[in-house]
Structures are given as C-alpha cells and as structure tokens.
Amino acid sequence: MLAVTFALPEESRDFRSPSPDVVVVHTGMGPQRCRRRMTAFLAETPELYGVISAGYAGGLRPDWPAGTLVLAENYTTPEWLAEACGALAERVTIGRLVSVEAPVESPADKARLRAETGADAVDMETAVLAGLCAERGIPFLSLRVISDSATEELAVPFSVCFDAETERPRISALLGYLLTHPQKILRFAAFVRETAVARKRLALAVQKVIETYRHNTETAIRPHPVAG
C-alpha cells in the first residue's frame, strides 16, 4: 500500500486515489497532531511501500509565486526524488523545506525564517512524517505547492479564518473581519482563486508521481525475455 498524506481534507479535495492500494491519510495540522495520527496509521498498516507527503506550504523564497510545485530535497528519499523530478520535469522545482510549530504569515517573519534556516518553503508536518518513515525504513517523498508567497501577507490572519483545534473554517469570524476590513476583500478573493488553482496542480502532480512509480516498479519486476 502507498499512503498520500495531507494535513486537511481541504488540501486533498482534487486528488482521487487511482486504486484501492493508494490511501489518503489526513494527519491534521501541526507536528503534535500529525505525530499521533500518523503513528497510529503506521501501526495499523504494516505493509506500506511508500509515503507521499502532499499539501500546501508557505513560500520563503521571494521569486516563487503561489502555485509553485516543490519537491523537498532535504526530506525525500534520493532515489524517489530523482524519479519524481523526471516525471514532473519542468513543472516542479527542487528546494529545501522547513517544518515549524505554527503558521508563518508575514513577509518579515518569512524572511527571518529563510535567513535562519536557508529553507525555500515552510510547512508544519513534513519533518514529523519524514522522521517516522525513516525510523521504519519506508521510502518517503515530500511534494508541496506554495499557497502563499514570501512577499505577501495573508489577506486574513490564519487564526481568524480557521480554528486549528476543530480543524474547521471560522465562517462568522471571517465574514466579520472582511466587513471591518473591506480593503482586504479583493485580496482574499484572489487568494481563494490562487489556492484552488494550486490545489488542482498539486493533485495532478501527485497522480503523475504515482503513475511513474508504478510503471518503473512493474518494469523492474517484469521478467525479461531469454535470448536464444
């Protein structure tokens, strides 16, 4: 079985599992929740031949716009990284990812994190997932899409529009914020559109990585004709 992880169902909306042996796992937001859920999943799923960590990431590199696909070279199993690069070609960028405890929202905070770590993008779960897979010898690939660029502040603070404990949008709080900050409405609408495009791009990329992995695996185990 191959597992594709996303923090939240919102991130996996456009991904469709191509077969019963590819399962989607929602780890929840943040390292603690992710560790609990993924540890339980791994204990219940002994026959796992790979994990793809997918989802959104914040941009730290100023020249990466929203929608940029990123393969995290510092977390991905080297052989799988090379294979995914070949499958996605010019559609993906190689970079370094850093995982933190909480969302990083402002350009100043993103610039500071980049200066401290040298990372190109930031998320909250990949480090935990990679560590759990490394402990068990499970091949791991991190494929993320930039949801918010390094140079732009979130149109609406994350804590306003989303409840991290219940993992649900805070619709009333969001509407209240936009009513009192009307200058943010157009930027928030643009963010929603950009995120939808990024989510679809990520889903297609994950599908392509899975197709290539299967093709290469089947080719490797297929018997070769005997000469003579």
C-alpha atoms as a PDB file:
ATOM      1  CA  MET A   1       0.000   0.000   0.000  1.00  0.00           C
ATOM      2  CA  LEU A   2       1.078   3.572  -0.723  1.00  0.00           C
ATOM      3  CA  ALA A   3      -0.109   6.432   1.504  1.00  0.00           C
ATOM      4  CA  VAL A   4      -0.622  10.028   0.393  1.00  0.00           C
ATOM      5  CA  THR A   5      -0.851  12.385   3.350  1.00  0.00           C
ATOM      6  CA  PHE A   6      -2.484  15.800   3.553  1.00  0.00           C
ATOM      7  CA  ALA A   7      -2.951  17.838   6.687  1.00  0.00           C
ATOM      8  CA  LEU A   8      -6.611  18.625   5.973  1.00  0.00           C
ATOM      9  CA  PRO A   9      -9.403  17.425   3.642  1.00  0.00           C
ATOM     10  CA  GLU A  10      -9.384  20.894   2.032  1.00  0.00           C
ATOM     11  CA  GLU A  11      -5.927  20.140   0.614  1.00  0.00           C
ATOM     12  CA  SER A  12      -6.916  16.755  -0.822  1.00  0.00           C
ATOM     13  CA  ARG A  13     -10.212  17.824  -2.430  1.00  0.00           C
ATOM     14  CA  ASP A  14      -8.964  17.452  -6.003  1.00  0.00           C
ATOM     15  CA  PHE A  15      -6.957  14.262  -5.517  1.00  0.00           C
ATOM     16  CA  ARG A  16      -8.547  10.940  -6.389  1.00  0.00           C
ATOM     17  CA  SER A  17      -6.899   7.688  -5.379  1.00  0.00           C
ATOM     18  CA  PRO A  18      -6.157   5.732  -8.567  1.00  0.00           C
ATOM     19  CA  SER A  19      -6.629   2.324  -6.910  1.00  0.00           C
ATOM     20  CA  PRO A  20      -7.503   0.626  -3.605  1.00  0.00           C
ATOM     21  CA  ASP A  21      -3.829   0.268  -2.693  1.00  0.00           C
ATOM     22  CA  VAL A  22      -3.333   4.067  -2.635  1.00  0.00           C
ATOM     23  CA  VAL A  23      -4.865   5.537   0.509  1.00  0.00           C
ATOM     24  CA  VAL A  24      -5.274   9.168   1.581  1.00  0.00           C
ATOM     25  CA  VAL A  25      -4.390   9.965   5.191  1.00  0.00           C
ATOM     26  CA  HIS A  26      -5.357  13.270   6.829  1.00  0.00           C
ATOM     27  CA  THR A  27      -2.768  13.909   9.509  1.00  0.00           C
ATOM     28  CA  GLY A  28      -4.232  17.081  10.964  1.00  0.00           C
ATOM     29  CA  MET A  29      -2.413  20.376  11.330  1.00  0.00           C
ATOM     30  CA  GLY A  30       0.795  20.764  13.294  1.00  0.00           C
ATOM     31  CA  PRO A  31       3.522  18.377  14.420  1.00  0.00           C
ATOM     32  CA  GLN A  32       1.840  17.010  17.561  1.00  0.00           C
ATOM     33  CA  ARG A  33      -1.459  16.071  15.947  1.00  0.00           C
ATOM     34  CA  CYS A  34       0.383  14.767  12.891  1.00  0.00           C
ATOM     35  CA  ARG A  35       2.624  12.529  15.011  1.00  0.00           C
ATOM     36  CA  ARG A  36      -0.314  10.996  16.879  1.00  0.00           C
ATOM     37  CA  ARG A  37      -2.383  10.241  13.806  1.00  0.00           C
ATOM     38  CA  MET A  38       0.452   9.017  11.604  1.00  0.00           C
ATOM     39  CA  THR A  39       1.911   6.817  14.348  1.00  0.00           C
ATOM     40  CA  ALA A  40      -1.481   5.143  14.744  1.00  0.00           C
ATOM     41  CA  PHE A  41      -1.838   4.718  10.971  1.00  0.00           C
ATOM     42  CA  LEU A  42       1.617   3.175  10.600  1.00  0.00           C
ATOM     43  CA  ALA A  43       0.919   0.745  13.457  1.00  0.00           C
ATOM     44  CA  GLU A  44      -2.243  -0.403  11.671  1.00  0.00           C
ATOM     45  CA  THR A  45      -0.643  -0.571   8.213  1.00  0.00           C
ATOM     46  CA  PRO A  46       2.445  -2.813   8.293  1.00  0.00           C
ATOM     47  CA  GLU A  47       2.648  -3.400   4.534  1.00  0.00           C
ATOM     48  CA  LEU A  48       3.410   0.116   3.347  1.00  0.00           C
ATOM     49  CA  TYR A  49       5.802   0.573   0.430  1.00  0.00           C
ATOM     50  CA  GLY A  50       5.894   4.376   0.408  1.00  0.00           C
ATOM     51  CA  VAL A  51       4.527   7.649   1.772  1.00  0.00           C
ATOM     52  CA  ILE A  52       3.960  10.832  -0.232  1.00  0.00           C
ATOM     53  CA  SER A  53       3.567  13.926   1.919  1.00  0.00           C
ATOM     54  CA  ALA A  54       1.459  16.422  -0.041  1.00  0.00           C
ATOM     55  CA  GLY A  55      -0.292  19.681   0.728  1.00  0.00           C
ATOM     56  CA  TYR A  56       0.250  23.411   0.993  1.00  0.00           C
ATOM     57  CA  ALA A  57       3.432  25.202   2.008  1.00  0.00           C
ATOM     58  CA  GLY A  58       4.253  28.837   2.619  1.00  0.00           C
ATOM     59  CA  GLY A  59       6.806  30.405   0.325  1.00  0.00           C
ATOM     60  CA  LEU A  60      10.084  31.635   1.800  1.00  0.00           C
ATOM     61  CA  ARG A  61      11.906  32.209  -1.462  1.00  0.00           C
ATOM     62  CA  PRO A  62      10.859  35.607  -2.899  1.00  0.00           C
ATOM     63  CA  ASP A  63      10.849  34.512  -6.547  1.00  0.00           C
ATOM     64  CA  TRP A  64       8.445  31.595  -6.009  1.00  0.00           C
ATOM     65  CA  PRO A  65       4.812  32.639  -6.648  1.00  0.00           C
ATOM     66  CA  ALA A  66       1.750  30.863  -5.339  1.00  0.00           C
ATOM     67  CA  GLY A  67       1.186  27.653  -7.282  1.00  0.00           C
ATOM     68  CA  THR A  68       4.866  26.664  -7.418  1.00  0.00           C
ATOM     69  CA  LEU A  69       5.321  22.900  -7.007  1.00  0.00           C
ATOM     70  CA  VAL A  70       8.184  21.989  -4.680  1.00  0.00           C
ATOM     71  CA  LEU A  71       9.978  18.689  -4.136  1.00  0.00           C
ATOM     72  CA  ALA A  72      11.766  18.871  -0.783  1.00  0.00           C
ATOM     73  CA  GLU A  73      15.252  17.518  -1.418  1.00  0.00           C
ATOM     74  CA  ASN A  74      16.172  17.552   2.286  1.00  0.00           C
ATOM     75  CA  TYR A  75      13.374  15.121   3.214  1.00  0.00           C
ATOM     76  CA  THR A  76      12.742  12.977   0.135  1.00  0.00           C
ATOM     77  CA  THR A  77      14.362   9.557  -0.368  1.00  0.00           C
ATOM     78  CA  PRO A  78      17.071  10.282  -3.007  1.00  0.00           C
ATOM     79  CA  GLU A  79      16.018   7.580  -5.486  1.00  0.00           C
ATOM     80  CA  TRP A  80      12.399   8.715  -5.344  1.00  0.00           C
ATOM     81  CA  LEU A  81      13.447  12.358  -5.702  1.00  0.00           C
ATOM     82  CA  ALA A  82      15.241  11.605  -8.965  1.00  0.00           C
ATOM     83  CA  GLU A  83      12.278   9.607 -10.255  1.00  0.00           C
ATOM     84  CA  ALA A  84       9.775  12.349  -9.370  1.00  0.00           C
ATOM     85  CA  CYS A  85      11.957  15.008 -10.991  1.00  0.00           C
ATOM     86  CA  GLY A  86      11.937  13.009 -14.199  1.00  0.00           C
ATOM     87  CA  ALA A  87       8.176  12.519 -14.034  1.00  0.00           C
ATOM     88  CA  LEU A  88       7.319  16.162 -13.388  1.00  0.00           C
ATOM     89  CA  ALA A  89      10.175  17.734 -15.368  1.00  0.00           C
ATOM     90  CA  GLU A  90       9.765  21.492 -15.798  1.00  0.00           C
ATOM     91  CA  ARG A  91       6.547  21.550 -13.744  1.00  0.00           C
ATOM     92  CA  VAL A  92       8.360  21.174 -10.417  1.00  0.00           C
ATOM     93  CA  THR A  93      11.108  22.977  -8.514  1.00  0.00           C
ATOM     94  CA  ILE A  94      13.618  21.399  -6.146  1.00  0.00           C
ATOM     95  CA  GLY A  95      14.073  23.139  -2.830  1.00  0.00           C
ATOM     96  CA  ARG A  96      14.593  22.875   0.889  1.00  0.00           C
ATOM     97  CA  LEU A  97      11.644  22.707   3.255  1.00  0.00           C
ATOM     98  CA  VAL A  98      11.495  23.567   6.950  1.00  0.00           C
ATOM     99  CA  SER A  99       8.741  22.462   9.340  1.00  0.00           C
ATOM    100  CA  VAL A 100       7.638  24.724  12.202  1.00  0.00           C
ATOM    101  CA  GLU A 101       5.119  24.674  15.042  1.00  0.00           C
ATOM    102  CA  ALA A 102       2.735  27.391  13.821  1.00  0.00           C
ATOM    103  CA  PRO A 103       1.787  29.218  10.608  1.00  0.00           C
ATOM    104  CA  VAL A 104       4.219  31.869   9.366  1.00  0.00           C
ATOM    105  CA  GLU A 105       2.131  34.703   7.950  1.00  0.00           C
ATOM    106  CA  SER A 106       4.024  37.955   7.432  1.00  0.00           C
ATOM    107  CA  PRO A 107       6.744  38.707   4.872  1.00  0.00           C
ATOM    108  CA  ALA A 108       9.032  39.827   7.701  1.00  0.00           C
ATOM    109  CA  ASP A 109       8.633  36.538   9.581  1.00  0.00           C
ATOM    110  CA  LYS A 110       9.138  34.554   6.385  1.00  0.00           C
ATOM    111  CA  ALA A 111      12.310  36.491   5.541  1.00  0.00           C
ATOM    112  CA  ARG A 112      13.602  35.891   9.063  1.00  0.00           C
ATOM    113  CA  LEU A 113      12.916  32.150   8.858  1.00  0.00           C
ATOM    114  CA  ARG A 114      14.648  31.921   5.485  1.00  0.00           C
ATOM    115  CA  ALA A 115      17.692  33.751   6.839  1.00  0.00           C
ATOM    116  CA  GLU A 116      17.849  31.443   9.870  1.00  0.00           C
ATOM    117  CA  THR A 117      17.337  28.135   8.043  1.00  0.00           C
ATOM    118  CA  GLY A 118      18.170  28.654   4.372  1.00  0.00           C
ATOM    119  CA  ALA A 119      14.848  26.999   3.513  1.00  0.00           C
ATOM    120  CA  ASP A 120      12.780  27.838   0.445  1.00  0.00           C
ATOM    121  CA  ALA A 121       9.357  26.875   1.838  1.00  0.00           C
ATOM    122  CA  VAL A 122       7.702  26.149   5.170  1.00  0.00           C
ATOM    123  CA  ASP A 123       5.082  23.736   6.448  1.00  0.00           C
ATOM    124  CA  MET A 124       4.170  22.146   9.773  1.00  0.00           C
ATOM    125  CA  GLU A 125       4.137  18.362   9.239  1.00  0.00           C
ATOM    126  CA  THR A 126       6.826  17.122   6.864  1.00  0.00           C
ATOM    127  CA  ALA A 127       9.639  16.805   9.412  1.00  0.00           C
ATOM    128  CA  VAL A 128       7.499  14.570  11.626  1.00  0.00           C
ATOM    129  CA  LEU A 129       6.335  12.425   8.709  1.00  0.00           C
ATOM    130  CA  ALA A 130       9.848  12.011   7.318  1.00  0.00           C
ATOM    131  CA  GLY A 131      11.173  11.043  10.739  1.00  0.00           C
ATOM    132  CA  LEU A 132       8.502   8.407  11.317  1.00  0.00           C
ATOM    133  CA  CYS A 133       9.120   6.884   7.888  1.00  0.00           C
ATOM    134  CA  ALA A 134      12.902   6.925   8.353  1.00  0.00           C
ATOM    135  CA  GLU A 135      12.536   5.012  11.628  1.00  0.00           C
ATOM    136  CA  ARG A 136      10.637   2.283   9.774  1.00  0.00           C
ATOM    137  CA  GLY A 137      12.630   2.266   6.544  1.00  0.00           C
ATOM    138  CA  ILE A 138       9.678   3.452   4.453  1.00  0.00           C
ATOM    139  CA  PRO A 139      10.521   5.408   1.269  1.00  0.00           C
ATOM    140  CA  PHE A 140       9.316   8.993   1.614  1.00  0.00           C
ATOM    141  CA  LEU A 141       8.597  11.838  -0.805  1.00  0.00           C
ATOM    142  CA  SER A 142       7.604  15.412   0.055  1.00  0.00           C
ATOM    143  CA  LEU A 143       5.683  17.251  -2.685  1.00  0.00           C
ATOM    144  CA  ARG A 144       4.151  20.580  -1.733  1.00  0.00           C
ATOM    145  CA  VAL A 145       2.576  23.525  -3.521  1.00  0.00           C
ATOM    146  CA  ILE A 146       3.105  27.133  -2.485  1.00  0.00           C
ATOM    147  CA  SER A 147      -0.200  28.561  -1.232  1.00  0.00           C
ATOM    148  CA  ASP A 148       1.109  31.982  -0.151  1.00  0.00           C
ATOM    149  CA  SER A 149       4.224  33.676  -1.464  1.00  0.00           C
ATOM    150  CA  ALA A 150       7.085  35.043   0.607  1.00  0.00           C
ATOM    151  CA  THR A 151       6.384  38.649  -0.327  1.00  0.00           C
ATOM    152  CA  GLU A 152       2.688  38.860   0.512  1.00  0.00           C
ATOM    153  CA  GLU A 153       0.992  38.861   3.888  1.00  0.00           C
ATOM    154  CA  LEU A 154      -2.087  36.683   4.268  1.00  0.00           C
ATOM    155  CA  ALA A 155      -5.183  38.667   3.360  1.00  0.00           C
ATOM    156  CA  VAL A 156      -6.877  37.371   6.511  1.00  0.00           C
ATOM    157  CA  PRO A 157      -4.926  36.190   9.579  1.00  0.00           C
ATOM    158  CA  PHE A 158      -4.978  32.410   9.805  1.00  0.00           C
ATOM    159  CA  SER A 159      -6.350  32.417  13.345  1.00  0.00           C
ATOM    160  CA  VAL A 160      -9.319  34.497  12.174  1.00  0.00           C
ATOM    161  CA  CYS A 161     -10.434  32.297   9.283  1.00  0.00           C
ATOM    162  CA  PHE A 162      -9.562  28.856  10.668  1.00  0.00           C
ATOM    163  CA  ASP A 163      -9.924  27.080  14.024  1.00  0.00           C
ATOM    164  CA  ALA A 164      -6.824  24.907  14.435  1.00  0.00           C
ATOM    165  CA  GLU A 165      -8.362  22.876  17.282  1.00  0.00           C
ATOM    166  CA  THR A 166     -11.536  21.831  15.471  1.00  0.00           C
ATOM    167  CA  GLU A 167      -9.829  21.980  12.039  1.00  0.00           C
ATOM    168  CA  ARG A 168     -12.771  23.871  10.594  1.00  0.00           C
ATOM    169  CA  PRO A 169     -13.181  27.285   8.932  1.00  0.00           C
ATOM    170  CA  ARG A 170     -14.450  30.092  11.151  1.00  0.00           C
ATOM    171  CA  ILE A 171     -17.024  31.468   8.733  1.00  0.00           C
ATOM    172  CA  SER A 172     -18.588  34.024  11.083  1.00  0.00           C
ATOM    173  CA  ALA A 173     -15.206  35.361  12.183  1.00  0.00           C
ATOM    174  CA  LEU A 174     -14.027  35.565   8.571  1.00  0.00           C
ATOM    175  CA  LEU A 175     -17.103  37.495   7.442  1.00  0.00           C
ATOM    176  CA  GLY A 176     -16.816  39.807  10.430  1.00  0.00           C
ATOM    177  CA  TYR A 177     -13.169  40.509   9.648  1.00  0.00           C
ATOM    178  CA  LEU A 178     -13.878  41.284   5.985  1.00  0.00           C
ATOM    179  CA  LEU A 179     -16.762  43.583   6.919  1.00  0.00           C
ATOM    180  CA  THR A 180     -14.454  45.595   9.157  1.00  0.00           C
ATOM    181  CA  HIS A 181     -11.524  45.417   6.698  1.00  0.00           C
ATOM    182  CA  PRO A 182     -13.211  45.917   3.280  1.00  0.00           C
ATOM    183  CA  GLN A 183      -9.873  46.737   1.681  1.00  0.00           C
ATOM    184  CA  LYS A 184      -8.933  43.066   2.193  1.00  0.00           C
ATOM    185  CA  ILE A 185     -11.882  41.612   0.281  1.00  0.00           C
ATOM    186  CA  LEU A 186     -10.352  41.639  -3.197  1.00  0.00           C
ATOM    187  CA  ARG A 187      -7.057  40.234  -1.961  1.00  0.00           C
ATOM    188  CA  PHE A 188      -8.854  37.457  -0.063  1.00  0.00           C
ATOM    189  CA  ALA A 189     -10.911  36.584  -3.158  1.00  0.00           C
ATOM    190  CA  ALA A 190      -7.697  36.408  -5.201  1.00  0.00           C
ATOM    191  CA  PHE A 191      -6.121  34.166  -2.548  1.00  0.00           C
ATOM    192  CA  VAL A 192      -9.073  31.768  -2.738  1.00  0.00           C
ATOM    193  CA  ARG A 193      -8.757  31.579  -6.534  1.00  0.00           C
ATOM    194  CA  GLU A 194      -4.983  31.062  -6.393  1.00  0.00           C
ATOM    195  CA  THR A 195      -5.349  28.336  -3.787  1.00  0.00           C
ATOM    196  CA  ALA A 196      -7.895  26.470  -5.927  1.00  0.00           C
ATOM    197  CA  VAL A 197      -5.513  26.512  -8.891  1.00  0.00           C
ATOM    198  CA  ALA A 198      -2.606  25.406  -6.676  1.00  0.00           C
ATOM    199  CA  ARG A 199      -4.650  22.543  -5.202  1.00  0.00           C
ATOM    200  CA  LYS A 200      -5.530  21.189  -8.655  1.00  0.00           C
ATOM    201  CA  ARG A 201      -1.925  21.479  -9.790  1.00  0.00           C
ATOM    202  CA  LEU A 202      -0.777  19.531  -6.742  1.00  0.00           C
ATOM    203  CA  ALA A 203      -3.362  16.776  -7.292  1.00  0.00           C
ATOM    204  CA  LEU A 204      -2.246  16.255 -10.885  1.00  0.00           C
ATOM    205  CA  ALA A 205       1.409  16.179  -9.842  1.00  0.00           C
ATOM    206  CA  VAL A 206       0.787  13.564  -7.151  1.00  0.00           C
ATOM    207  CA  GLN A 207      -1.104  11.438  -9.668  1.00  0.00           C
ATOM    208  CA  LYS A 208       1.820  11.675 -12.092  1.00  0.00           C
ATOM    209  CA  VAL A 209       4.339  10.666  -9.435  1.00  0.00           C
ATOM    210  CA  ILE A 210       2.237   7.621  -8.537  1.00  0.00           C
ATOM    211  CA  GLU A 211       1.818   6.596 -12.185  1.00  0.00           C
ATOM    212  CA  THR A 212       5.575   6.852 -12.780  1.00  0.00           C
ATOM    213  CA  TYR A 213       6.404   4.946  -9.614  1.00  0.00           C
ATOM    214  CA  ARG A 214       4.087   2.113 -10.626  1.00  0.00           C
ATOM    215  CA  HIS A 215       5.387   1.983 -14.183  1.00  0.00           C
ATOM    216  CA  ASN A 216       9.005   1.839 -13.029  1.00  0.00           C
ATOM    217  CA  THR A 217       8.223  -0.778 -10.388  1.00  0.00           C
ATOM    218  CA  GLU A 218       6.369  -3.003 -12.842  1.00  0.00           C
ATOM    219  CA  THR A 219       9.161  -2.640 -15.388  1.00  0.00           C
ATOM    220  CA  ALA A 220      11.755  -3.607 -12.798  1.00  0.00           C
ATOM    221  CA  ILE A 221       9.977  -6.790 -11.770  1.00  0.00           C
ATOM    222  CA  ARG A 222       8.741  -7.816 -15.238  1.00  0.00           C
ATOM    223  CA  PRO A 223      10.632 -10.906 -16.491  1.00  0.00           C
ATOM    224  CA  HIS A 224      12.979 -10.207 -19.390  1.00  0.00           C
ATOM    225  CA  PRO A 225      12.868 -12.477 -22.447  1.00  0.00           C
ATOM    226  CA  VAL A 226      15.574 -15.100 -22.599  1.00  0.00           C
ATOM    227  CA  ALA A 227      17.773 -14.888 -25.700  1.00  0.00           C
ATOM    228  CA  GLY A 228      18.182 -17.926 -27.898  1.00  0.00           C
END
